[in-house]
Amino acid sequence: MNISPADSRVGPSEDPAGAIDGRAARWQTHREERRRDLIKAARKAVHALGSDASMEDIAGAAGTSKSVFYRYFGDKAGLQQAMGEVVLGQMQRRMKEAAQSAQTPREGLFAMVSAYLQMAESSPNVYAFITRLTPGEASAQDAIAASGALGNFFEQVTEMIATPMRQYLGEDKEALIEYWPTAAIGLVRNAGEMWLGSPASDTKPNQATMAANITDWLCLGIAPMLATT
């Protein structure tokens, strides 16, 4: 019996390579979904247990074993990195949205500082978990700060600050624009983390007041206060 070329072709459903690719794609999708679920569960666990929670504590709260977390994230630093990508990505989007309606660079700074403090205050434990590592993990901390989620976050925020500055100050102030946003981020982060970690008291400013204070320090420094003393 003669078989025509059309009859001899193998359909897509009968292609072994296609079947393997399909299974691989489904498995990859499953792994990505499982990874997202683990990050979400870990975030809830850290929020409840604290930033010093161990992998075993986190896994127990998530209803699984720590070996599962090690399989997906490698180690605790890997989990911090993965959670940081999610949380800092959300923080970056919130800051960008807040700044878009600003009419001046100063209004934009206030909006971004407010959004940053609001999200950090919503879960200090999660914020600490993704921005600091436990003692003895300095090398992993360096990697995260330099090229991971935290480093990317600071790069993006630096550009968010620099862009309106270029529009208002002009290109002849590029030397200022190159350094000032980085210095500003250092002030915001250090002052914000000190505020976040300080206990409640009558003298501790609320979030809105702290955001206004930081914005004033960025734009005016303390010169106005020195002039009145």
Foldseek 3Di string as FASTA:
>chain_A
DDDDPVRPDDDLVRDPVNVVVVVVVVVVVVLVVVLVLLLVQLLVQLLPPFLPDALQSSQVSSVHGSVVVCVNQVHLLSSLLVNLLVLLVVLLVQLLVQLPPDPALLSSQLSSLLSNLVSCLVGVRNVCNNQDDDPPPVVSNVVCCCDTSVVVSLVSQLVVSLVRCCVPVHPVCVVCSVPLSNVLVVLSVVLSNVLSPDDDDPPRDDSSVSSVVSSCCSPPNCVVVVVVD
